[in-house]
Protein backbone atom coordinates (compact mmCIF):
# COMPACT_ATOMS: atom_id res chain seq x y z
CA UNK A 1 8.80 15.52 6.96
CA UNK A 2 11.50 15.88 4.12
CA UNK A 3 11.67 19.38 2.52
CA UNK A 4 12.30 19.86 -1.30
CA UNK A 5 13.37 22.75 -3.14
CA UNK A 6 10.79 22.95 -6.08
CA UNK A 7 13.10 25.00 -8.40
CA UNK A 8 15.90 22.73 -7.71
CA UNK A 9 13.57 19.74 -8.52
CA UNK A 10 12.67 21.46 -11.84
CA UNK A 11 16.21 21.86 -12.76
CA UNK A 12 17.42 18.40 -11.90
CA UNK A 13 14.62 16.47 -13.14
CA UNK A 14 14.45 15.73 -16.86
CA UNK A 15 10.76 15.73 -17.68
CA UNK A 16 7.46 17.34 -16.70
CA UNK A 17 3.87 16.19 -17.38
CA UNK A 18 0.53 17.76 -16.24
CA UNK A 19 -1.61 15.56 -14.16
CA UNK A 20 -5.46 15.96 -14.51
CA UNK A 21 -7.25 15.35 -11.20
CA UNK A 22 -10.66 13.64 -11.83
CA UNK A 23 -13.56 13.96 -9.50
CA UNK A 24 -13.50 10.17 -9.23
CA UNK A 25 -9.98 10.54 -7.79
CA UNK A 26 -11.31 12.07 -4.64
CA UNK A 27 -12.07 9.92 -1.75
CA UNK A 28 -14.27 10.26 1.41
CA UNK A 29 -11.72 12.52 3.08
CA UNK A 30 -12.04 15.09 0.12
CA UNK A 31 -8.46 14.39 -1.17
CA UNK A 32 -6.87 12.16 -3.81
CA UNK A 33 -6.90 8.53 -2.55
CA UNK A 34 -3.52 7.20 -1.83
CA UNK A 35 -4.00 4.34 -4.53
CA UNK A 36 -4.56 6.86 -7.19
CA UNK A 37 -1.05 8.26 -6.84
CA UNK A 38 0.15 4.96 -8.39
CA UNK A 39 -1.94 5.93 -11.44
CA UNK A 40 -0.54 9.35 -11.62
CA UNK A 41 3.05 7.98 -11.27
CA UNK A 42 2.38 5.12 -13.92
CA UNK A 43 1.04 7.67 -16.43
CA UNK A 44 3.94 9.95 -16.00
CA UNK A 45 6.46 7.19 -16.41
CA UNK A 46 4.68 5.94 -19.62
CA UNK A 47 4.73 9.42 -21.20
CA UNK A 48 8.46 9.91 -19.95
CA UNK A 49 9.42 6.68 -21.76
CA UNK A 50 7.42 7.39 -24.94
CA UNK A 51 7.95 11.12 -25.39
CA UNK A 52 11.34 11.67 -23.84
CA UNK A 53 13.18 8.40 -24.51
CA UNK A 54 11.21 7.38 -27.61
CA UNK A 55 10.94 3.90 -26.03
CA UNK A 56 9.06 1.51 -28.25
CA UNK A 57 7.31 -0.76 -25.66
CA UNK A 58 6.03 -3.10 -28.27
CA UNK A 59 9.45 -4.28 -28.97
CA UNK A 60 11.14 -3.96 -25.62
CA UNK A 61 8.78 -3.51 -22.59
CA UNK A 62 9.20 -2.50 -19.09
CA UNK A 63 7.83 -3.99 -15.83
CA UNK A 64 7.79 -2.52 -12.39
CA UNK A 65 10.19 -4.50 -10.11
CA UNK A 66 9.88 -2.09 -7.10
CA UNK A 67 8.06 0.90 -6.12
CA UNK A 68 7.76 3.22 -3.11
CA UNK A 69 5.80 6.33 -2.60
CA UNK A 70 6.24 8.91 0.15
CA UNK A 71 3.17 10.90 0.90
CA UNK A 72 4.04 14.50 1.73
CA UNK A 73 0.93 16.41 1.45
CA UNK A 74 -2.71 15.63 0.33
CA UNK A 75 -3.87 16.54 -3.17
CA UNK A 76 -7.38 18.08 -3.41
CA UNK A 77 -9.59 18.55 -6.40
CA UNK A 78 -8.71 22.29 -7.08
CA UNK A 79 -4.91 21.83 -7.02
CA UNK A 80 -2.82 22.00 -10.07
CA UNK A 81 -0.60 19.04 -10.33
CA UNK A 82 2.40 17.93 -12.58
CA UNK A 83 4.73 15.12 -12.34
CA UNK A 84 8.46 15.38 -12.69
CA UNK A 85 10.60 12.32 -13.82
CA UNK A 86 14.32 11.65 -13.94
CA UNK A 87 16.48 8.45 -14.33
CA UNK A 88 18.85 8.11 -11.41
CA UNK A 89 20.50 4.78 -12.30
CA UNK A 90 20.79 2.42 -15.28
CA UNK A 91 21.85 -1.21 -14.59
CA UNK A 92 22.10 -4.03 -17.16
CA UNK A 93 18.44 -4.96 -17.35
CA UNK A 94 17.02 -2.44 -14.80
CA UNK A 95 16.91 1.31 -14.25
CA UNK A 96 15.48 3.52 -11.67
CA UNK A 97 13.30 6.61 -11.86
CA UNK A 98 12.83 9.38 -9.45
CA UNK A 99 9.50 11.05 -9.64
CA UNK A 100 7.63 13.87 -7.87
CA UNK A 101 4.09 15.26 -7.80
CA UNK A 102 4.50 18.86 -7.43
CA UNK A 103 2.14 21.89 -8.09
CA UNK A 104 0.04 24.69 -6.73
CA UNK A 105 -2.53 24.28 -4.13
CA UNK A 106 -5.74 26.27 -3.82
CA UNK A 107 -3.98 29.10 -2.16
CA UNK A 108 -1.32 29.43 -4.92
CA UNK A 109 1.44 28.01 -2.77
CA UNK A 110 3.91 25.92 -4.68
CA UNK A 111 4.27 22.51 -2.93
CA UNK A 112 5.63 19.04 -3.26
CA UNK A 113 2.79 16.47 -2.90
CA UNK A 114 4.80 13.25 -2.95
CA UNK A 115 7.86 11.40 -4.13
CA UNK A 116 8.12 7.99 -5.90
CA UNK A 117 11.07 5.79 -6.47
CA UNK A 118 10.55 3.16 -9.13
CA UNK A 119 12.89 0.21 -10.48
CA UNK A 120 11.78 -1.02 -13.96
CA UNK A 121 13.09 -4.02 -15.88
CA UNK A 122 13.43 -4.19 -19.62
CA UNK A 123 11.73 -7.27 -20.90
CA UNK A 124 11.23 -8.97 -24.15
CA UNK A 125 7.70 -8.64 -25.20
CA UNK A 126 7.60 -12.24 -26.67
CA UNK A 127 9.08 -14.07 -23.82
CA UNK A 128 8.63 -11.61 -20.98
CA UNK A 129 12.18 -12.27 -19.84
CA UNK A 130 14.54 -9.53 -18.80
CA UNK A 131 16.86 -8.18 -21.54
CA UNK A 132 19.66 -5.53 -21.39
CA UNK A 133 18.26 -1.99 -21.50
CA UNK A 134 18.64 -1.12 -25.30
CA UNK A 135 21.55 1.18 -25.98
CA UNK A 136 19.55 3.84 -27.70
CA UNK A 137 17.50 4.23 -24.53
CA UNK A 138 20.46 3.71 -22.18
CA UNK A 139 22.08 6.77 -23.73
CA UNK A 140 18.88 8.88 -23.28
CA UNK A 141 18.36 7.74 -19.58
CA UNK A 142 21.91 8.54 -18.62
CA UNK A 143 22.07 12.15 -20.04
CA UNK A 144 22.22 14.83 -17.50
CA UNK A 145 19.53 17.57 -17.81
CA UNK A 146 21.88 20.31 -19.13
CA UNK A 147 22.89 17.96 -21.99
CA UNK A 148 19.33 16.97 -22.97
CA UNK A 149 17.35 18.36 -25.83
């Protein structure tokens, strides 16, 4: 299993958003069902684009082209979880996000629960055809953490 330094992740990833674990997220194995992770990552991407980038998805939308999740440790109901998000690449019409679910488990230990890599494509909301990533968002996506703010 790959090891991640939580403090390094916090310093290298641009954005953090708390995740609320709902009782309905828990499956018969008493942990968050694997499919729910997609919801957590989707929510954190949406918040990142809206709050961090100021992305107006009603004008230029985004659709998922590819997504992978590495499950590193189960999430339980009492765990405190947050999502970290950073853009790792911006192409002409697409960009890639690296996302992590991190937090504190019931014992208080800080852990990394999972990692997600997602490729998104910018689309025109009327035609749903790919369009170049708007420059105003491209600049924000490409900034390094120490230059953000």
